[in-house]
C-alpha atoms as a PDB file:
ATOM      1  CA  MET A   1       2.932  -0.009   5.330  1.00  0.00           C
ATOM      2  CA  ARG A   2      -0.551   0.360   6.813  1.00  0.00           C
ATOM      3  CA  PHE A   3       0.255  -2.392   9.304  1.00  0.00           C
ATOM      4  CA  PHE A   4       3.411  -0.540  10.401  1.00  0.00           C
ATOM      5  CA  TRP A   5       1.531   2.693  11.095  1.00  0.00           C
ATOM      6  CA  LEU A   6      -1.179   0.787  12.953  1.00  0.00           C
ATOM      7  CA  GLN A   7       1.454  -0.596  15.331  1.00  0.00           C
ATOM      8  CA  ILE A   8       3.004   2.837  15.833  1.00  0.00           C
ATOM      9  CA  VAL A   9      -0.397   4.349  16.642  1.00  0.00           C
ATOM     10  CA  LEU A  10      -1.238   1.559  19.087  1.00  0.00           C
ATOM     11  CA  ILE A  11       2.078   1.841  20.903  1.00  0.00           C
ATOM     12  CA  PHE A  12       1.812   5.611  21.348  1.00  0.00           C
ATOM     13  CA  THR A  13      -1.921   5.751  22.177  1.00  0.00           C
ATOM     14  CA  PRO A  14      -1.443   5.229  25.948  1.00  0.00           C
ATOM     15  CA  PHE A  15       1.153   8.014  26.036  1.00  0.00           C
ATOM     16  CA  LEU A  16      -1.158  10.385  24.203  1.00  0.00           C
ATOM     17  CA  LEU A  17      -4.121   9.536  26.424  1.00  0.00           C
ATOM     18  CA  TYR A  18      -2.011  10.026  29.534  1.00  0.00           C
ATOM     19  CA  ARG A  19      -0.754  13.362  28.232  1.00  0.00           C
ATOM     20  CA  LEU A  20      -4.339  14.491  27.639  1.00  0.00           C
ATOM     21  CA  TYR A  21      -5.228  13.312  31.138  1.00  0.00           C
ATOM     22  CA  VAL A  22      -2.391  15.318  32.623  1.00  0.00           C
ATOM     23  CA  ALA A  23      -3.259  18.384  30.587  1.00  0.00           C
ATOM     24  CA  PHE A  24      -6.922  18.513  31.589  1.00  0.00           C
ATOM     25  CA  VAL A  25      -7.443  16.735  34.909  1.00  0.00           C
ATOM     26  CA  ILE A  26      -4.182  16.944  36.827  1.00  0.00           C
ATOM     27  CA  LYS A  27      -3.702  20.626  35.994  1.00  0.00           C
ATOM     28  CA  ARG A  28      -6.983  21.394  37.719  1.00  0.00           C
ATOM     29  CA  LYS A  29      -5.986  19.302  40.746  1.00  0.00           C
ATOM     30  CA  MET A  30      -2.720  21.206  41.081  1.00  0.00           C
ATOM     31  CA  GLU A  31      -4.570  24.535  40.917  1.00  0.00           C
ATOM     32  CA  THR A  32      -6.886  23.487  43.731  1.00  0.00           C
ATOM     33  CA  GLY A  33      -4.047  22.200  45.912  1.00  0.00           C
ATOM     34  CA  GLY A  34      -4.459  18.471  45.205  1.00  0.00           C
ATOM     35  CA  SER A  35      -1.563  16.066  44.938  1.00  0.00           C
ATOM     36  CA  TYR A  36      -0.140  14.661  41.728  1.00  0.00           C
ATOM     37  CA  ASN A  37       1.565  11.272  41.296  1.00  0.00           C
ATOM     38  CA  GLU A  38       3.343  10.546  38.035  1.00  0.00           C
ATOM     39  CA  VAL A  39       2.724   7.255  36.249  1.00  0.00           C
ATOM     40  CA  PRO A  40       5.949   5.502  35.242  1.00  0.00           C
ATOM     41  CA  LEU A  41       6.662   5.395  31.512  1.00  0.00           C
ATOM     42  CA  ALA A  42       7.191   1.630  31.762  1.00  0.00           C
ATOM     43  CA  ILE A  43       3.482   1.096  32.479  1.00  0.00           C
ATOM     44  CA  LEU A  44       2.486   3.203  29.477  1.00  0.00           C
ATOM     45  CA  PHE A  45       4.941   1.336  27.263  1.00  0.00           C
ATOM     46  CA  ILE A  46       3.637  -2.052  28.439  1.00  0.00           C
ATOM     47  CA  VAL A  47       0.045  -0.987  27.742  1.00  0.00           C
ATOM     48  CA  GLY A  48       1.119   0.064  24.230  1.00  0.00           C
ATOM     49  CA  LEU A  49       2.808  -3.294  23.643  1.00  0.00           C
ATOM     50  CA  VAL A  50      -0.277  -5.144  24.850  1.00  0.00           C
ATOM     51  CA  LEU A  51      -2.407  -3.151  22.396  1.00  0.00           C
ATOM     52  CA  SER A  52       0.024  -4.040  19.609  1.00  0.00           C
ATOM     53  CA  ILE A  53      -0.060  -7.742  20.495  1.00  0.00           C
ATOM     54  CA  ILE A  54      -3.862  -7.652  20.511  1.00  0.00           C
ATOM     55  CA  SER A  55      -3.790  -6.045  17.063  1.00  0.00           C
ATOM     56  CA  PHE A  56      -1.441  -8.792  15.801  1.00  0.00           C
ATOM     57  CA  VAL A  57      -3.937 -11.406  16.979  1.00  0.00           C
ATOM     58  CA  VAL A  58      -6.968  -9.599  15.539  1.00  0.00           C
ATOM     59  CA  ILE A  59      -5.316  -8.999  12.168  1.00  0.00           C
ATOM     60  CA  GLY A  60      -4.071 -12.594  12.122  1.00  0.00           C
ATOM     61  CA  LEU A  61      -7.545 -13.978  12.777  1.00  0.00           C
ATOM     62  CA  THR A  62      -9.462 -11.644  10.492  1.00  0.00           C
ATOM     63  CA  GLY A  63      -6.910 -11.081   7.724  1.00  0.00           C
ATOM     64  CA  ASP A  64      -7.265 -12.375   4.185  1.00  0.00           C
ATOM     65  CA  HIS A  65      -5.207 -15.574   3.974  1.00  0.00           C
ATOM     66  CA  VAL A  66      -4.485 -17.608   0.888  1.00  0.00           C
ATOM     67  CA  THR A  67      -3.312 -21.024   2.000  1.00  0.00           C
ATOM     68  CA  GLY A  68      -3.169 -22.930  -1.258  1.00  0.00           C
ATOM     69  CA  GLY A  69      -1.871 -22.457  -4.770  1.00  0.00           C
ATOM     70  CA  ASP A  70       1.381 -21.674  -6.539  1.00  0.00           C
ATOM     71  CA  TYR A  71       3.147 -18.355  -6.114  1.00  0.00           C
ATOM     72  CA  SER A  72       4.025 -16.525  -9.321  1.00  0.00           C
ATOM     73  CA  PRO A  73       6.558 -13.702  -8.819  1.00  0.00           C
ATOM     74  CA  ALA A  74       6.340 -10.369 -10.612  1.00  0.00           C
ATOM     75  CA  THR A  75       7.266 -10.667 -14.286  1.00  0.00           C
ATOM     76  CA  LEU A  76       7.873  -8.384 -17.229  1.00  0.00           C
ATOM     77  CA  GLU A  77       5.557  -9.219 -20.153  1.00  0.00           C
ATOM     78  CA  ASP A  78       5.348  -7.073 -23.288  1.00  0.00           C
ATOM     79  CA  GLY A  79       7.045  -4.205 -21.481  1.00  0.00           C
ATOM     80  CA  GLU A  80       4.482  -4.239 -18.658  1.00  0.00           C
ATOM     81  CA  ILE A  81       5.127  -5.370 -15.089  1.00  0.00           C
ATOM     82  CA  VAL A  82       2.715  -8.109 -14.065  1.00  0.00           C
ATOM     83  CA  PRO A  83       2.351  -8.046 -10.255  1.00  0.00           C
ATOM     84  CA  PRO A  84       2.948 -11.194  -8.227  1.00  0.00           C
ATOM     85  CA  HIS A  85      -0.057 -13.420  -7.578  1.00  0.00           C
ATOM     86  CA  ILE A  86      -1.056 -16.818  -6.296  1.00  0.00           C
ATOM     87  CA  ASP A  87      -2.480 -19.272  -8.806  1.00  0.00           C
ATOM     88  CA  GLU A  88      -5.105 -21.532  -7.267  1.00  0.00           C
END
């Protein structure tokens, strides 16, 4: 679940940063008579996807991987649930 929320945060980060930019910088430009050009949402979405792809790579390279051993599914022993694990 943590991985899911990480992806959501990374996808929406460019939108949030742009919104903050608009709120603080562009508002002042409009008050002083400057011009304002909107950034297309497609660019923000692409930046969010790139951040997500980078996070996939980083998590894949730094994550805890178990490559050997036998998988034992969750079992019920003496009325207690034994979580799944990998026997090495």
